C-alpha atoms as a PDB file:
ATOM      1  CA  MET A   1      22.982  49.062 -18.509  1.00  0.00           C
ATOM      2  CA  THR A   2      19.546  49.164 -17.258  1.00  0.00           C
ATOM      3  CA  ASP A   3      16.695  46.536 -17.961  1.00  0.00           C
ATOM      4  CA  ALA A   4      15.172  48.893 -20.371  1.00  0.00           C
ATOM      5  CA  ASN A   5      18.274  48.557 -22.635  1.00  0.00           C
ATOM      6  CA  PRO A   6      19.350  44.970 -22.508  1.00  0.00           C
ATOM      7  CA  THR A   7      22.726  43.941 -23.884  1.00  0.00           C
ATOM      8  CA  ALA A   8      22.962  41.836 -27.101  1.00  0.00           C
ATOM      9  CA  ASP A   9      23.867  38.720 -25.051  1.00  0.00           C
ATOM     10  CA  GLN A  10      20.690  39.164 -22.972  1.00  0.00           C
ATOM     11  CA  VAL A  11      18.561  39.463 -26.107  1.00  0.00           C
ATOM     12  CA  ILE A  12      20.162  36.379 -27.558  1.00  0.00           C
ATOM     13  CA  GLU A  13      19.622  34.473 -24.305  1.00  0.00           C
ATOM     14  CA  ASP A  14      16.098  35.604 -23.995  1.00  0.00           C
ATOM     15  CA  GLN A  15      15.439  34.552 -27.725  1.00  0.00           C
ATOM     16  CA  GLU A  16      17.006  31.053 -27.154  1.00  0.00           C
ATOM     17  CA  SER A  17      14.927  30.564 -24.061  1.00  0.00           C
ATOM     18  CA  LYS A  18      11.670  31.496 -25.868  1.00  0.00           C
ATOM     19  CA  ASP A  19      12.761  29.015 -28.675  1.00  0.00           C
ATOM     20  CA  GLY A  20      13.533  26.371 -26.262  1.00  0.00           C
ATOM     21  CA  PHE A  21      10.066  26.886 -24.520  1.00  0.00           C
ATOM     22  CA  GLU A  22       8.281  26.740 -27.917  1.00  0.00           C
ATOM     23  CA  LYS A  23      10.200  23.651 -28.946  1.00  0.00           C
ATOM     24  CA  ASN A  24       9.294  21.925 -25.581  1.00  0.00           C
ATOM     25  CA  LEU A  25       5.597  23.048 -25.892  1.00  0.00           C
ATOM     26  CA  LYS A  26       5.338  21.431 -29.254  1.00  0.00           C
ATOM     27  CA  SER A  27       7.253  18.353 -28.482  1.00  0.00           C
ATOM     28  CA  LYS A  28       5.195  15.210 -29.199  1.00  0.00           C
ATOM     29  CA  PRO A  29       7.144  13.014 -26.604  1.00  0.00           C
ATOM     30  CA  THR A  30       6.420  15.484 -23.908  1.00  0.00           C
ATOM     31  CA  TRP A  31       2.748  15.458 -24.550  1.00  0.00           C
ATOM     32  CA  LEU A  32       2.724  11.784 -24.840  1.00  0.00           C
ATOM     33  CA  ARG A  33       4.338  11.417 -21.476  1.00  0.00           C
ATOM     34  CA  PHE A  34       1.670  13.847 -20.172  1.00  0.00           C
ATOM     35  CA  LEU A  35      -1.021  11.359 -21.277  1.00  0.00           C
ATOM     36  CA  PHE A  36       0.845   8.519 -19.628  1.00  0.00           C
ATOM     37  CA  MET A  37       1.255  10.613 -16.463  1.00  0.00           C
ATOM     38  CA  VAL A  38      -2.579  11.224 -16.388  1.00  0.00           C
ATOM     39  CA  PHE A  39      -3.270   7.501 -16.891  1.00  0.00           C
ATOM     40  CA  TYR A  40      -0.815   6.713 -14.044  1.00  0.00           C
ATOM     41  CA  ALA A  41      -2.119   9.239 -11.761  1.00  0.00           C
ATOM     42  CA  ILE A  42      -5.669   7.638 -12.215  1.00  0.00           C
ATOM     43  CA  ALA A  43      -4.091   4.133 -11.815  1.00  0.00           C
ATOM     44  CA  PHE A  44      -2.395   5.287  -8.660  1.00  0.00           C
ATOM     45  CA  ASN A  45      -5.672   6.277  -7.045  1.00  0.00           C
ATOM     46  CA  VAL A  46      -7.364   3.123  -8.087  1.00  0.00           C
ATOM     47  CA  ALA A  47      -4.358   1.004  -6.683  1.00  0.00           C
ATOM     48  CA  ALA A  48      -4.490   3.174  -3.414  1.00  0.00           C
ATOM     49  CA  LEU A  49      -8.178   2.232  -3.144  1.00  0.00           C
ATOM     50  CA  VAL A  50      -7.292  -1.552  -3.599  1.00  0.00           C
ATOM     51  CA  GLY A  51      -4.572  -1.127  -1.000  1.00  0.00           C
ATOM     52  CA  THR A  52      -7.093   0.199   1.454  1.00  0.00           C
ATOM     53  CA  LEU A  53      -9.240  -2.807   0.953  1.00  0.00           C
ATOM     54  CA  ILE A  54      -6.316  -5.063   1.375  1.00  0.00           C
ATOM     55  CA  VAL A  55      -5.592  -3.385   4.664  1.00  0.00           C
ATOM     56  CA  VAL A  56      -9.134  -3.663   6.016  1.00  0.00           C
ATOM     57  CA  THR A  57      -9.369  -7.191   4.885  1.00  0.00           C
ATOM     58  CA  GLY A  58      -6.207  -8.121   6.407  1.00  0.00           C
ATOM     59  CA  PHE A  59      -7.033  -6.448   9.713  1.00  0.00           C
ATOM     60  CA  VAL A  60     -10.381  -8.433   9.784  1.00  0.00           C
ATOM     61  CA  ILE A  61      -8.626 -11.673   9.111  1.00  0.00           C
ATOM     62  CA  VAL A  62      -6.197 -10.945  11.945  1.00  0.00           C
ATOM     63  CA  LEU A  63      -9.150 -10.183  14.200  1.00  0.00           C
ATOM     64  CA  ILE A  64     -10.690 -13.492  13.373  1.00  0.00           C
ATOM     65  CA  THR A  65      -7.830 -15.907  13.042  1.00  0.00           C
ATOM     66  CA  GLY A  66      -5.159 -14.133  15.059  1.00  0.00           C
ATOM     67  CA  GLN A  67      -2.643 -14.489  12.207  1.00  0.00           C
ATOM     68  CA  PRO A  68      -1.955 -12.366   8.989  1.00  0.00           C
ATOM     69  CA  ASN A  69      -2.948 -13.837   5.598  1.00  0.00           C
ATOM     70  CA  ASP A  70       0.049 -14.843   3.447  1.00  0.00           C
ATOM     71  CA  LYS A  71      -1.715 -14.152   0.165  1.00  0.00           C
ATOM     72  CA  LEU A  72      -2.753 -10.731   1.302  1.00  0.00           C
ATOM     73  CA  GLN A  73       0.719  -9.931   2.500  1.00  0.00           C
ATOM     74  CA  ARG A  74       2.094 -10.896  -1.014  1.00  0.00           C
ATOM     75  CA  ALA A  75      -0.672  -8.817  -2.737  1.00  0.00           C
ATOM     76  CA  GLY A  76       0.272  -5.905  -0.555  1.00  0.00           C
ATOM     77  CA  GLN A  77       3.946  -6.148  -1.464  1.00  0.00           C
ATOM     78  CA  VAL A  78       3.131  -6.221  -5.104  1.00  0.00           C
ATOM     79  CA  LEU A  79       0.925  -3.330  -4.786  1.00  0.00           C
ATOM     80  CA  ALA A  80       3.506  -1.404  -2.751  1.00  0.00           C
ATOM     81  CA  THR A  81       6.081  -2.031  -5.507  1.00  0.00           C
ATOM     82  CA  TYR A  82       3.646  -1.015  -8.200  1.00  0.00           C
ATOM     83  CA  LEU A  83       2.770   2.273  -6.333  1.00  0.00           C
ATOM     84  CA  SER A  84       6.453   2.978  -6.043  1.00  0.00           C
ATOM     85  CA  ASP A  85       7.067   2.399  -9.653  1.00  0.00           C
ATOM     86  CA  ILE A  86       4.230   4.817 -10.453  1.00  0.00           C
ATOM     87  CA  VAL A  87       5.535   7.580  -8.183  1.00  0.00           C
ATOM     88  CA  ARG A  88       9.075   7.149  -9.536  1.00  0.00           C
ATOM     89  CA  TYR A  89       7.667   7.549 -13.179  1.00  0.00           C
ATOM     90  CA  LEU A  90       5.364  10.509 -12.287  1.00  0.00           C
ATOM     91  CA  THR A  91       8.218  12.307 -10.583  1.00  0.00           C
ATOM     92  CA  TYR A  92      10.773  11.867 -13.593  1.00  0.00           C
ATOM     93  CA  ASN A  93      12.887   9.603 -11.598  1.00  0.00           C
ATOM     94  CA  THR A  94      12.609   6.833 -14.324  1.00  0.00           C
ATOM     95  CA  GLU A  95      11.629   6.773 -17.953  1.00  0.00           C
ATOM     96  CA  THR A  96      10.405   3.101 -17.583  1.00  0.00           C
ATOM     97  CA  LYS A  97       6.740   2.937 -17.540  1.00  0.00           C
ATOM     98  CA  PRO A  98       5.097   0.735 -14.816  1.00  0.00           C
ATOM     99  CA  PHE A  99       2.790  -2.027 -15.697  1.00  0.00           C
ATOM    100  CA  PRO A 100       0.943  -2.585 -18.058  1.00  0.00           C
ATOM    101  CA  PHE A 101       3.166  -0.739 -20.596  1.00  0.00           C
ATOM    102  CA  ASP A 102       6.969  -1.342 -20.142  1.00  0.00           C
ATOM    103  CA  SER A 103       7.325  -3.650 -17.229  1.00  0.00           C
ATOM    104  CA  ASP A 104       5.773  -6.872 -15.957  1.00  0.00           C
ATOM    105  CA  LEU A 105       4.051  -6.503 -12.550  1.00  0.00           C
ATOM    106  CA  ALA A 106       4.900 -10.000 -11.287  1.00  0.00           C
ATOM    107  CA  SER A 107       8.651  -9.639 -12.106  1.00  0.00           C
ATOM    108  CA  ASP A 108       8.802  -6.229 -10.444  1.00  0.00           C
ATOM    109  CA  ALA A 109       7.403  -7.717  -7.179  1.00  0.00           C
ATOM    110  CA  ASN A 110      10.022 -10.400  -7.111  1.00  0.00           C
ATOM    111  CA  GLU A 111      13.012  -7.897  -7.248  1.00  0.00           C
END
């Protein structure tokens, strides 16, 4: 058969595909996740800016004192964990929302 005359199976598959797409398009959980994804994409950029400030501050402290600052190192570790959690959520590798919704930032950093 040619593409101009699809088989009955092909017509059924195409209709099921359209129905699935329409169902997904109208899915409230899908759109809710999209809103969370937009929020976390913004949070990622803010956290990356904070990370840049931590890096620069840490470098200046090492220039002045010759030693890294323990508090900045811990803050950097917490931030790295948070950024990792955000990326895992944005890429559908987890359904667990990062801080501030489904997980505690402090407990995530200790794992």
